[in-house]
Structure formats: C-alpha cells, structure tokens
Amino acid sequence: MEGLFKEFYDRLVYFSLQLVRDQAQAQDLVQDAFITYWQERESVLQNRIAIKNYLYTTVRNASLNVIRHGKVVNAYVEQQGTAEPEELSIMDAIISSEVIAEIHIAIAALPENYRQISVMSYLEGKKNQEIADELGLSINTVKKQKHRALELLRLRLSPELFGLFLLWTAS
C-alpha cells in the first residue's frame, strides 16, 4: 500500500486540485480515496492499471461531489460557467497530472547536480543567476548543467513528453 501511495498520491492530488481548486480539500479527498481502496481492495483487480483506474475514479467522483455541494458550487459556476466540469476537462486533468508526474520522475532520476539545478529552474522557476548565487556556482556552470540535464531528459522522456516538458517550462 505504501508503494501505491508514493506512486499515485501527488498526481491524484494535482488531479483533484484542478477540479476543486483547494489544496487541503484535494489532499483530503485523495487520502479518503486510498482509505476507500484499502477497505474495498479485495473487490478491485490486483493489477496496477485497475488500481490506478479505481483511484482516479474515486478521486474524480469525490471531487465532483465537493463541487456539487456547498459554497464551492457558486465559485465554480462563476469561474467555469457550468455546474460541473465537462468530461473532456476531466480527461485533460488526468492527462496533465500523469504528464507532470512523469516529468517529476524523470527529473528525480537525474544525477544530483543536474537534478538540483533542474528542480530550481524548471519546477521552482528560478533564474540562472539566482541558482548560481544560491549554489555558489558560476552562471556558466548553471547553464552547462541545465543543458546537460535537458539532454538527459530528452533520453528519458518520450519525444511527446519531452515536447510537452519544453512547452511547460517555457510558460
């Protein structure tokens, strides 16, 4: 169970967060989904895809229930113009959370010096000079290590994911 939690928790929270727009609420919903899975695990096929589908469906349903109830409904209607998200936006949210999870996994697999600079640059949005100052490196070292990290990420990620990564970091 701990392995499942580590593998899916962050991406499920990100998925739920896109729907409910509240970090604490998203975390609670994901924790509840794992508890529900644990209680019903014998009725779920014991393979990774079935468990993943179960968890996403549980989080989606719980997130939609939150949207339907309480004050969130009014804020969501004003923001989105509908009472609940369309199925396409739910699929986009799932795909987005899976892509970001794969990118995080690829960055985490980089050698330490490349990983640290990549996290600071691509995930935290820091400028090269800020990274150089924080790490006590020259700006040229930061640029070279970022370039090498990109080369390694290109090898680790599929061409499509690498393209999405470049688009994501450019925005």
N, C-alpha and C. Protein backbone atom coordinates (compact mmCIF):
# COMPACT_ATOMS: atom_id res chain seq x y z
N MET A 1 0.83 -1.20 0.00
CA MET A 1 0.00 0.00 0.00
C MET A 1 0.87 1.25 0.00
N GLU A 2 1.98 1.22 0.75
CA GLU A 2 2.85 2.38 0.81
C GLU A 2 3.42 2.72 -0.56
N GLY A 3 3.76 1.69 -1.34
CA GLY A 3 4.27 1.91 -2.69
C GLY A 3 3.23 2.57 -3.59
N LEU A 4 1.98 2.11 -3.47
CA LEU A 4 0.89 2.72 -4.25
C LEU A 4 0.71 4.18 -3.85
N PHE A 5 0.75 4.43 -2.55
CA PHE A 5 0.56 5.78 -2.05
C PHE A 5 1.65 6.70 -2.61
N LYS A 6 2.90 6.27 -2.53
CA LYS A 6 4.01 7.07 -3.03
C LYS A 6 3.90 7.31 -4.53
N GLU A 7 3.47 6.29 -5.26
CA GLU A 7 3.40 6.39 -6.72
C GLU A 7 2.27 7.31 -7.18
N PHE A 8 1.12 7.24 -6.54
CA PHE A 8 -0.06 7.93 -7.06
C PHE A 8 -0.50 9.16 -6.28
N TYR A 9 -0.05 9.35 -5.06
CA TYR A 9 -0.58 10.42 -4.22
C TYR A 9 -0.45 11.80 -4.87
N ASP A 10 0.77 12.18 -5.27
CA ASP A 10 0.99 13.53 -5.81
C ASP A 10 0.17 13.78 -7.07
N ARG A 11 0.13 12.81 -7.96
CA ARG A 11 -0.61 13.03 -9.21
C ARG A 11 -2.11 13.08 -8.97
N LEU A 12 -2.60 12.30 -8.00
CA LEU A 12 -4.03 12.36 -7.68
C LEU A 12 -4.40 13.68 -7.01
N VAL A 13 -3.52 14.19 -6.15
CA VAL A 13 -3.77 15.49 -5.52
C VAL A 13 -3.81 16.57 -6.61
N TYR A 14 -2.86 16.54 -7.52
CA TYR A 14 -2.83 17.52 -8.61
C TYR A 14 -4.12 17.42 -9.44
N PHE A 15 -4.54 16.21 -9.72
CA PHE A 15 -5.77 15.98 -10.49
C PHE A 15 -6.97 16.57 -9.76
N SER A 16 -7.12 16.25 -8.49
CA SER A 16 -8.24 16.75 -7.70
C SER A 16 -8.17 18.27 -7.56
N LEU A 17 -6.97 18.79 -7.39
CA LEU A 17 -6.79 20.23 -7.23
C LEU A 17 -7.29 21.00 -8.46
N GLN A 18 -7.12 20.42 -9.64
CA GLN A 18 -7.62 21.07 -10.85
C GLN A 18 -9.14 21.15 -10.85
N LEU A 19 -9.79 20.28 -10.13
CA LEU A 19 -11.25 20.28 -10.08
C LEU A 19 -11.79 21.11 -8.92
N VAL A 20 -11.26 20.88 -7.71
CA VAL A 20 -11.83 21.54 -6.53
C VAL A 20 -11.17 22.87 -6.20
N ARG A 21 -10.00 23.12 -6.75
CA ARG A 21 -9.29 24.40 -6.56
C ARG A 21 -8.97 24.71 -5.10
N ASP A 22 -8.74 23.67 -4.31
CA ASP A 22 -8.41 23.86 -2.90
C ASP A 22 -7.44 22.75 -2.50
N GLN A 23 -6.20 23.13 -2.18
CA GLN A 23 -5.14 22.16 -1.90
C GLN A 23 -5.49 21.22 -0.75
N ALA A 24 -5.93 21.78 0.36
CA ALA A 24 -6.25 20.94 1.53
C ALA A 24 -7.39 19.99 1.22
N GLN A 25 -8.41 20.48 0.52
CA GLN A 25 -9.55 19.64 0.15
C GLN A 25 -9.09 18.52 -0.78
N ALA A 26 -8.23 18.84 -1.75
CA ALA A 26 -7.73 17.83 -2.68
C ALA A 26 -6.94 16.76 -1.93
N GLN A 27 -6.10 17.16 -0.99
CA GLN A 27 -5.32 16.19 -0.22
C GLN A 27 -6.24 15.29 0.59
N ASP A 28 -7.28 15.86 1.21
CA ASP A 28 -8.23 15.06 1.98
C ASP A 28 -8.95 14.05 1.09
N LEU A 29 -9.37 14.49 -0.09
CA LEU A 29 -10.09 13.60 -0.99
C LEU A 29 -9.22 12.43 -1.44
N VAL A 30 -7.95 12.71 -1.70
CA VAL A 30 -7.04 11.64 -2.12
C VAL A 30 -6.78 10.67 -0.98
N GLN A 31 -6.60 11.19 0.22
CA GLN A 31 -6.41 10.29 1.37
C GLN A 31 -7.64 9.42 1.58
N ASP A 32 -8.82 10.02 1.44
CA ASP A 32 -10.06 9.25 1.55
C ASP A 32 -10.14 8.18 0.47
N ALA A 33 -9.68 8.50 -0.74
CA ALA A 33 -9.70 7.52 -1.83
C ALA A 33 -8.82 6.32 -1.50
N PHE A 34 -7.66 6.56 -0.90
CA PHE A 34 -6.79 5.45 -0.52
C PHE A 34 -7.44 4.62 0.60
N ILE A 35 -8.10 5.26 1.52
CA ILE A 35 -8.80 4.52 2.59
C ILE A 35 -9.91 3.67 1.98
N THR A 36 -10.68 4.25 1.05
CA THR A 36 -11.74 3.50 0.39
C THR A 36 -11.16 2.32 -0.38
N TYR A 37 -10.05 2.56 -1.10
CA TYR A 37 -9.41 1.46 -1.82
C TYR A 37 -9.01 0.36 -0.83
N TRP A 38 -8.40 0.75 0.27
CA TRP A 38 -7.93 -0.24 1.25
C TRP A 38 -9.09 -1.07 1.79
N GLN A 39 -10.24 -0.42 2.01
CA GLN A 39 -11.40 -1.12 2.53
C GLN A 39 -12.03 -2.03 1.47
N GLU A 40 -11.90 -1.68 0.22
CA GLU A 40 -12.53 -2.45 -0.86
C GLU A 40 -11.51 -3.15 -1.76
N ARG A 41 -10.29 -3.27 -1.31
CA ARG A 41 -9.21 -3.80 -2.16
C ARG A 41 -9.47 -5.20 -2.68
N GLU A 42 -10.23 -6.00 -1.94
CA GLU A 42 -10.50 -7.36 -2.39
C GLU A 42 -11.44 -7.40 -3.58
N SER A 43 -12.20 -6.32 -3.80
CA SER A 43 -13.13 -6.29 -4.94
C SER A 43 -12.50 -5.61 -6.16
N VAL A 44 -11.25 -5.14 -6.02
CA VAL A 44 -10.55 -4.48 -7.13
C VAL A 44 -9.50 -5.45 -7.66
N LEU A 45 -9.45 -5.60 -8.98
CA LEU A 45 -8.41 -6.44 -9.56
C LEU A 45 -7.04 -5.98 -9.08
N GLN A 46 -6.19 -6.90 -8.73
CA GLN A 46 -4.90 -6.54 -8.16
C GLN A 46 -3.83 -6.38 -9.23
N ASN A 47 -4.07 -5.43 -10.13
CA ASN A 47 -3.01 -5.05 -11.05
C ASN A 47 -2.94 -3.53 -11.08
N ARG A 48 -1.80 -3.02 -11.46
CA ARG A 48 -1.52 -1.59 -11.37
C ARG A 48 -2.55 -0.74 -12.10
N ILE A 49 -2.95 -1.13 -13.29
CA ILE A 49 -3.88 -0.33 -14.09
C ILE A 49 -5.26 -0.30 -13.44
N ALA A 50 -5.74 -1.43 -12.95
CA ALA A 50 -7.06 -1.47 -12.30
C ALA A 50 -7.06 -0.61 -11.03
N ILE A 51 -6.00 -0.69 -10.26
CA ILE A 51 -5.91 0.10 -9.04
C ILE A 51 -5.85 1.59 -9.38
N LYS A 52 -5.03 1.93 -10.37
CA LYS A 52 -4.91 3.32 -10.81
C LYS A 52 -6.27 3.84 -11.28
N ASN A 53 -6.97 3.08 -12.09
CA ASN A 53 -8.30 3.49 -12.57
C ASN A 53 -9.27 3.66 -11.40
N TYR A 54 -9.22 2.73 -10.46
CA TYR A 54 -10.09 2.82 -9.28
C TYR A 54 -9.82 4.10 -8.51
N LEU A 55 -8.54 4.40 -8.28
CA LEU A 55 -8.18 5.59 -7.51
C LEU A 55 -8.60 6.86 -8.24
N TYR A 56 -8.33 6.94 -9.55
CA TYR A 56 -8.72 8.14 -10.32
C TYR A 56 -10.24 8.31 -10.30
N THR A 57 -10.97 7.23 -10.49
CA THR A 57 -12.44 7.31 -10.49
C THR A 57 -12.95 7.75 -9.13
N THR A 58 -12.39 7.19 -8.07
CA THR A 58 -12.81 7.55 -6.72
C THR A 58 -12.53 9.03 -6.44
N VAL A 59 -11.34 9.49 -6.80
CA VAL A 59 -10.98 10.90 -6.58
C VAL A 59 -11.86 11.81 -7.44
N ARG A 60 -12.10 11.41 -8.69
CA ARG A 60 -12.96 12.22 -9.57
C ARG A 60 -14.36 12.35 -8.98
N ASN A 61 -14.94 11.23 -8.58
CA ASN A 61 -16.29 11.27 -8.02
C ASN A 61 -16.36 12.10 -6.74
N ALA A 62 -15.38 11.93 -5.88
CA ALA A 62 -15.35 12.71 -4.64
C ALA A 62 -15.17 14.20 -4.94
N SER A 63 -14.32 14.52 -5.90
CA SER A 63 -14.10 15.92 -6.28
C SER A 63 -15.38 16.52 -6.85
N LEU A 64 -16.07 15.77 -7.69
CA LEU A 64 -17.32 16.27 -8.26
C LEU A 64 -18.39 16.44 -7.18
N ASN A 65 -18.39 15.57 -6.19
CA ASN A 65 -19.34 15.72 -5.08
C ASN A 65 -19.07 17.00 -4.30
N VAL A 66 -17.79 17.32 -4.11
CA VAL A 66 -17.45 18.57 -3.43
C VAL A 66 -17.93 19.76 -4.24
N ILE A 67 -17.74 19.69 -5.54
CA ILE A 67 -18.16 20.79 -6.41
C ILE A 67 -19.67 20.97 -6.34
N ARG A 68 -20.39 19.87 -6.32
CA ARG A 68 -21.86 19.93 -6.32
C ARG A 68 -22.42 20.49 -5.02
N HIS A 69 -21.68 20.37 -3.95
CA HIS A 69 -22.20 20.77 -2.64
C HIS A 69 -21.51 22.02 -2.11
N GLY A 70 -22.23 22.72 -1.28
CA GLY A 70 -21.66 23.83 -0.54
C GLY A 70 -21.34 25.06 -1.36
N LYS A 71 -20.47 25.85 -0.81
CA LYS A 71 -20.11 27.14 -1.39
C LYS A 71 -19.27 27.00 -2.65
N VAL A 72 -18.60 25.88 -2.81
CA VAL A 72 -17.75 25.69 -3.98
C VAL A 72 -18.57 25.78 -5.26
N VAL A 73 -19.84 25.36 -5.21
CA VAL A 73 -20.68 25.38 -6.40
C VAL A 73 -20.76 26.80 -6.97
N ASN A 74 -21.04 27.78 -6.11
CA ASN A 74 -21.18 29.14 -6.59
C ASN A 74 -19.88 29.67 -7.21
N ALA A 75 -18.77 29.45 -6.53
CA ALA A 75 -17.48 29.92 -7.05
C ALA A 75 -17.16 29.23 -8.37
N TYR A 76 -17.44 27.94 -8.43
CA TYR A 76 -17.12 27.19 -9.64
C TYR A 76 -18.00 27.62 -10.81
N VAL A 77 -19.27 27.85 -10.57
CA VAL A 77 -20.18 28.29 -11.62
C VAL A 77 -19.72 29.63 -12.17
N GLU A 78 -19.35 30.54 -11.29
CA GLU A 78 -18.87 31.85 -11.74
C GLU A 78 -17.60 31.73 -12.56
N GLN A 79 -16.71 30.85 -12.14
CA GLN A 79 -15.43 30.70 -12.81
C GLN A 79 -15.56 29.93 -14.13
N GLN A 80 -16.32 28.84 -14.13
CA GLN A 80 -16.38 27.96 -15.29
C GLN A 80 -17.63 28.12 -16.12
N GLY A 81 -18.69 28.61 -15.52
CA GLY A 81 -19.93 28.78 -16.26
C GLY A 81 -20.79 27.54 -16.33
N THR A 82 -20.41 26.45 -15.67
CA THR A 82 -21.22 25.24 -15.63
C THR A 82 -21.21 24.68 -14.22
N ALA A 83 -22.18 23.85 -13.93
CA ALA A 83 -22.28 23.30 -12.58
C ALA A 83 -21.22 22.24 -12.31
N GLU A 84 -20.77 21.54 -13.32
CA GLU A 84 -19.69 20.58 -13.12
C GLU A 84 -18.86 20.50 -14.40
N PRO A 85 -17.60 20.10 -14.29
CA PRO A 85 -16.74 20.11 -15.46
C PRO A 85 -17.20 19.10 -16.50
N GLU A 86 -16.91 19.42 -17.73
CA GLU A 86 -17.24 18.50 -18.81
C GLU A 86 -16.27 17.33 -18.75
N GLU A 87 -16.69 16.21 -19.34
CA GLU A 87 -15.86 15.01 -19.33
C GLU A 87 -14.50 15.28 -19.97
N LEU A 88 -14.46 16.12 -21.00
CA LEU A 88 -13.19 16.43 -21.67
C LEU A 88 -12.23 17.11 -20.71
N SER A 89 -12.71 18.04 -19.88
CA SER A 89 -11.82 18.71 -18.95
C SER A 89 -11.31 17.74 -17.89
N ILE A 90 -12.11 16.74 -17.54
CA ILE A 90 -11.65 15.72 -16.59
C ILE A 90 -10.54 14.90 -17.22
N MET A 91 -10.71 14.52 -18.48
CA MET A 91 -9.65 13.77 -19.17
C MET A 91 -8.39 14.62 -19.29
N ASP A 92 -8.54 15.90 -19.59
CA ASP A 92 -7.38 16.79 -19.65
C ASP A 92 -6.67 16.84 -18.31
N ALA A 93 -7.43 16.88 -17.22
CA ALA A 93 -6.83 16.93 -15.89
C ALA A 93 -6.06 15.65 -15.59
N ILE A 94 -6.62 14.50 -15.97
CA ILE A 94 -5.93 13.23 -15.75
C ILE A 94 -4.63 13.19 -16.56
N ILE A 95 -4.72 13.54 -17.82
CA ILE A 95 -3.54 13.52 -18.69
C ILE A 95 -2.49 14.48 -18.16
N SER A 96 -2.92 15.67 -17.78
CA SER A 96 -1.99 16.67 -17.25
C SER A 96 -1.28 16.16 -16.01
N SER A 97 -2.01 15.55 -15.07
CA SER A 97 -1.37 15.07 -13.86
C SER A 97 -0.42 13.91 -14.14
N GLU A 98 -0.76 13.06 -15.10
CA GLU A 98 0.13 11.95 -15.47
C GLU A 98 1.41 12.47 -16.14
N VAL A 99 1.26 13.45 -17.02
CA VAL A 99 2.43 14.01 -17.71
C VAL A 99 3.36 14.67 -16.69
N ILE A 100 2.80 15.47 -15.80
CA ILE A 100 3.63 16.14 -14.80
C ILE A 100 4.29 15.14 -13.87
N ALA A 101 3.59 14.07 -13.53
CA ALA A 101 4.20 13.03 -12.69
C ALA A 101 5.38 12.38 -13.40
N GLU A 102 5.24 12.10 -14.70
CA GLU A 102 6.34 11.50 -15.46
C GLU A 102 7.53 12.45 -15.54
N ILE A 103 7.27 13.73 -15.70
CA ILE A 103 8.34 14.72 -15.75
C ILE A 103 9.06 14.78 -14.40
N HIS A 104 8.30 14.77 -13.31
CA HIS A 104 8.91 14.79 -11.97
C HIS A 104 9.76 13.53 -11.75
N ILE A 105 9.28 12.39 -12.22
CA ILE A 105 10.05 11.14 -12.07
C ILE A 105 11.35 11.23 -12.87
N ALA A 106 11.28 11.76 -14.09
CA ALA A 106 12.48 11.88 -14.93
C ALA A 106 13.48 12.84 -14.29
N ILE A 107 13.00 13.95 -13.74
CA ILE A 107 13.91 14.91 -13.10
C ILE A 107 14.53 14.28 -11.85
N ALA A 108 13.73 13.54 -11.09
CA ALA A 108 14.24 12.90 -9.87
C ALA A 108 15.32 11.86 -10.18
N ALA A 109 15.30 11.31 -11.39
CA ALA A 109 16.27 10.29 -11.77
C ALA A 109 17.59 10.87 -12.28
N LEU A 110 17.66 12.19 -12.44
CA LEU A 110 18.89 12.82 -12.91
C LEU A 110 19.97 12.73 -11.84
N PRO A 111 21.25 12.79 -12.25
CA PRO A 111 22.32 12.88 -11.25
C PRO A 111 22.10 14.11 -10.36
N GLU A 112 22.55 14.04 -9.13
CA GLU A 112 22.23 15.04 -8.11
C GLU A 112 22.44 16.48 -8.56
N ASN A 113 23.60 16.81 -9.14
CA ASN A 113 23.86 18.20 -9.51
C ASN A 113 22.90 18.68 -10.60
N TYR A 114 22.58 17.83 -11.58
CA TYR A 114 21.64 18.19 -12.63
C TYR A 114 20.22 18.26 -12.07
N ARG A 115 19.89 17.34 -11.18
CA ARG A 115 18.55 17.31 -10.59
C ARG A 115 18.30 18.58 -9.80
N GLN A 116 19.26 18.96 -8.98
CA GLN A 116 19.09 20.14 -8.12
C GLN A 116 18.87 21.39 -8.97
N ILE A 117 19.67 21.57 -9.99
CA ILE A 117 19.54 22.74 -10.85
C ILE A 117 18.24 22.68 -11.64
N SER A 118 17.84 21.49 -12.10
CA SER A 118 16.59 21.35 -12.85
C SER A 118 15.38 21.68 -11.98
N VAL A 119 15.38 21.20 -10.75
CA VAL A 119 14.27 21.48 -9.83
C VAL A 119 14.18 22.99 -9.60
N MET A 120 15.31 23.59 -9.32
CA MET A 120 15.32 25.03 -9.04
C MET A 120 14.86 25.84 -10.26
N SER A 121 15.29 25.42 -11.43
CA SER A 121 14.97 26.17 -12.64
C SER A 121 13.57 25.87 -13.16
N TYR A 122 13.30 24.60 -13.44
CA TYR A 122 12.07 24.23 -14.13
C TYR A 122 10.85 24.11 -13.20
N LEU A 123 11.07 23.66 -11.98
CA LEU A 123 9.94 23.46 -11.07
C LEU A 123 9.70 24.66 -10.15
N GLU A 124 10.80 25.31 -9.74
CA GLU A 124 10.65 26.47 -8.85
C GLU A 124 10.67 27.79 -9.60
N GLY A 125 11.06 27.76 -10.88
CA GLY A 125 11.03 28.96 -11.72
C GLY A 125 12.13 29.97 -11.44
N LYS A 126 13.23 29.51 -10.86
CA LYS A 126 14.33 30.44 -10.55
C LYS A 126 15.16 30.72 -11.80
N LYS A 127 15.71 31.92 -11.84
CA LYS A 127 16.58 32.35 -12.95
C LYS A 127 17.98 31.76 -12.74
N ASN A 128 18.74 31.69 -13.84
CA ASN A 128 20.10 31.13 -13.76
C ASN A 128 20.95 31.83 -12.72
N GLN A 129 20.88 33.16 -12.66
CA GLN A 129 21.70 33.91 -11.72
C GLN A 129 21.31 33.59 -10.28
N GLU A 130 20.01 33.43 -10.01
CA GLU A 130 19.56 33.07 -8.66
C GLU A 130 20.12 31.71 -8.26
N ILE A 131 20.07 30.76 -9.20
CA ILE A 131 20.58 29.41 -8.93
C ILE A 131 22.07 29.46 -8.66
N ALA A 132 22.80 30.20 -9.51
CA ALA A 132 24.25 30.32 -9.35
C ALA A 132 24.59 30.91 -7.98
N ASP A 133 23.87 31.96 -7.60
CA ASP A 133 24.13 32.60 -6.30
C ASP A 133 23.83 31.65 -5.14
N GLU A 134 22.69 30.96 -5.23
CA GLU A 134 22.29 30.06 -4.15
C GLU A 134 23.25 28.89 -3.97
N LEU A 135 23.74 28.36 -5.10
CA LEU A 135 24.59 27.18 -5.05
C LEU A 135 26.08 27.52 -5.04
N GLY A 136 26.40 28.79 -5.17
CA GLY A 136 27.81 29.19 -5.19
C GLY A 136 28.52 28.72 -6.44
N LEU A 137 27.83 28.73 -7.57
CA LEU A 137 28.40 28.30 -8.84
C LEU A 137 28.46 29.49 -9.79
N SER A 138 29.24 29.34 -10.85
CA SER A 138 29.24 30.39 -11.88
C SER A 138 27.98 30.21 -12.73
N ILE A 139 27.54 31.29 -13.34
CA ILE A 139 26.35 31.23 -14.18
C ILE A 139 26.59 30.30 -15.37
N ASN A 140 27.84 30.25 -15.87
CA ASN A 140 28.14 29.34 -16.99
C ASN A 140 28.02 27.88 -16.57
N THR A 141 28.39 27.56 -15.35
CA THR A 141 28.23 26.19 -14.84
C THR A 141 26.75 25.83 -14.78
N VAL A 142 25.94 26.75 -14.30
CA VAL A 142 24.50 26.51 -14.23
C VAL A 142 23.95 26.27 -15.63
N LYS A 143 24.32 27.12 -16.57
CA LYS A 143 23.82 26.97 -17.95
C LYS A 143 24.25 25.63 -18.55
N LYS A 144 25.51 25.25 -18.35
CA LYS A 144 26.00 23.98 -18.89
C LYS A 144 25.29 22.78 -18.26
N GLN A 145 25.07 22.85 -16.94
CA GLN A 145 24.40 21.74 -16.27
C GLN A 145 22.92 21.66 -16.66
N LYS A 146 22.29 22.79 -16.88
CA LYS A 146 20.91 22.79 -17.36
C LYS A 146 20.85 22.18 -18.76
N HIS A 147 21.80 22.53 -19.61
CA HIS A 147 21.84 21.99 -20.97
C HIS A 147 22.05 20.47 -20.93
N ARG A 148 22.96 20.02 -20.10
CA ARG A 148 23.22 18.58 -19.98
C ARG A 148 22.00 17.86 -19.39
N ALA A 149 21.34 18.49 -18.44
CA ALA A 149 20.13 17.89 -17.85
C ALA A 149 19.05 17.74 -18.92
N LEU A 150 18.91 18.76 -19.78
CA LEU A 150 17.93 18.66 -20.88
C LEU A 150 18.26 17.50 -21.81
N GLU A 151 19.55 17.31 -22.09
CA GLU A 151 19.95 16.19 -22.94
C GLU A 151 19.57 14.86 -22.30
N LEU A 152 19.79 14.74 -20.99
CA LEU A 152 19.44 13.51 -20.28
C LEU A 152 17.92 13.32 -20.22
N LEU A 153 17.19 14.40 -20.02
CA LEU A 153 15.72 14.30 -20.01
C LEU A 153 15.19 13.90 -21.37
N ARG A 154 15.81 14.40 -22.43
CA ARG A 154 15.40 14.02 -23.78
C ARG A 154 15.54 12.51 -23.98
N LEU A 155 16.57 11.92 -23.38
CA LEU A 155 16.77 10.47 -23.48
C LEU A 155 15.77 9.70 -22.63
N ARG A 156 15.40 10.24 -21.47
CA ARG A 156 14.50 9.55 -20.54
C ARG A 156 13.03 9.65 -20.93
N LEU A 157 12.63 10.80 -21.49
CA LEU A 157 11.22 11.03 -21.81
C LEU A 157 10.95 10.68 -23.27
N SER A 158 9.73 10.28 -23.55
CA SER A 158 9.34 10.07 -24.95
C SER A 158 9.39 11.42 -25.66
N PRO A 159 9.50 11.41 -26.98
CA PRO A 159 9.55 12.70 -27.71
C PRO A 159 8.34 13.59 -27.41
N GLU A 160 7.17 12.97 -27.26
CA GLU A 160 5.96 13.74 -26.96
C GLU A 160 6.05 14.39 -25.59
N LEU A 161 6.46 13.59 -24.58
CA LEU A 161 6.58 14.12 -23.22
C LEU A 161 7.66 15.18 -23.14
N PHE A 162 8.76 14.97 -23.86
CA PHE A 162 9.83 15.97 -23.83
C PHE A 162 9.33 17.28 -24.46
N GLY A 163 8.58 17.17 -25.54
CA GLY A 163 7.99 18.37 -26.16
C GLY A 163 7.06 19.09 -25.20
N LEU A 164 6.22 18.33 -24.50
CA LEU A 164 5.33 18.94 -23.51
C LEU A 164 6.12 19.57 -22.36
N PHE A 165 7.21 18.92 -21.97
CA PHE A 165 8.05 19.47 -20.93
C PHE A 165 8.61 20.83 -21.37
N LEU A 166 9.08 20.90 -22.60
CA LEU A 166 9.63 22.16 -23.10
C LEU A 166 8.56 23.25 -23.15
N LEU A 167 7.36 22.88 -23.58
CA LEU A 167 6.26 23.85 -23.60
C LEU A 167 5.90 24.30 -22.19
N TRP A 168 5.86 23.34 -21.26
CA TRP A 168 5.51 23.62 -19.87
C TRP A 168 6.52 24.56 -19.24
N THR A 169 7.82 24.32 -19.49
CA THR A 169 8.85 25.15 -18.86
C THR A 169 8.96 26.52 -19.53
N ALA A 170 8.49 26.63 -20.77
CA ALA A 170 8.55 27.92 -21.47
C ALA A 170 7.47 28.88 -20.97
N SER A 171 6.41 28.32 -20.38
CA SER A 171 5.32 29.20 -19.94
C SER A 171 5.50 29.71 -18.55
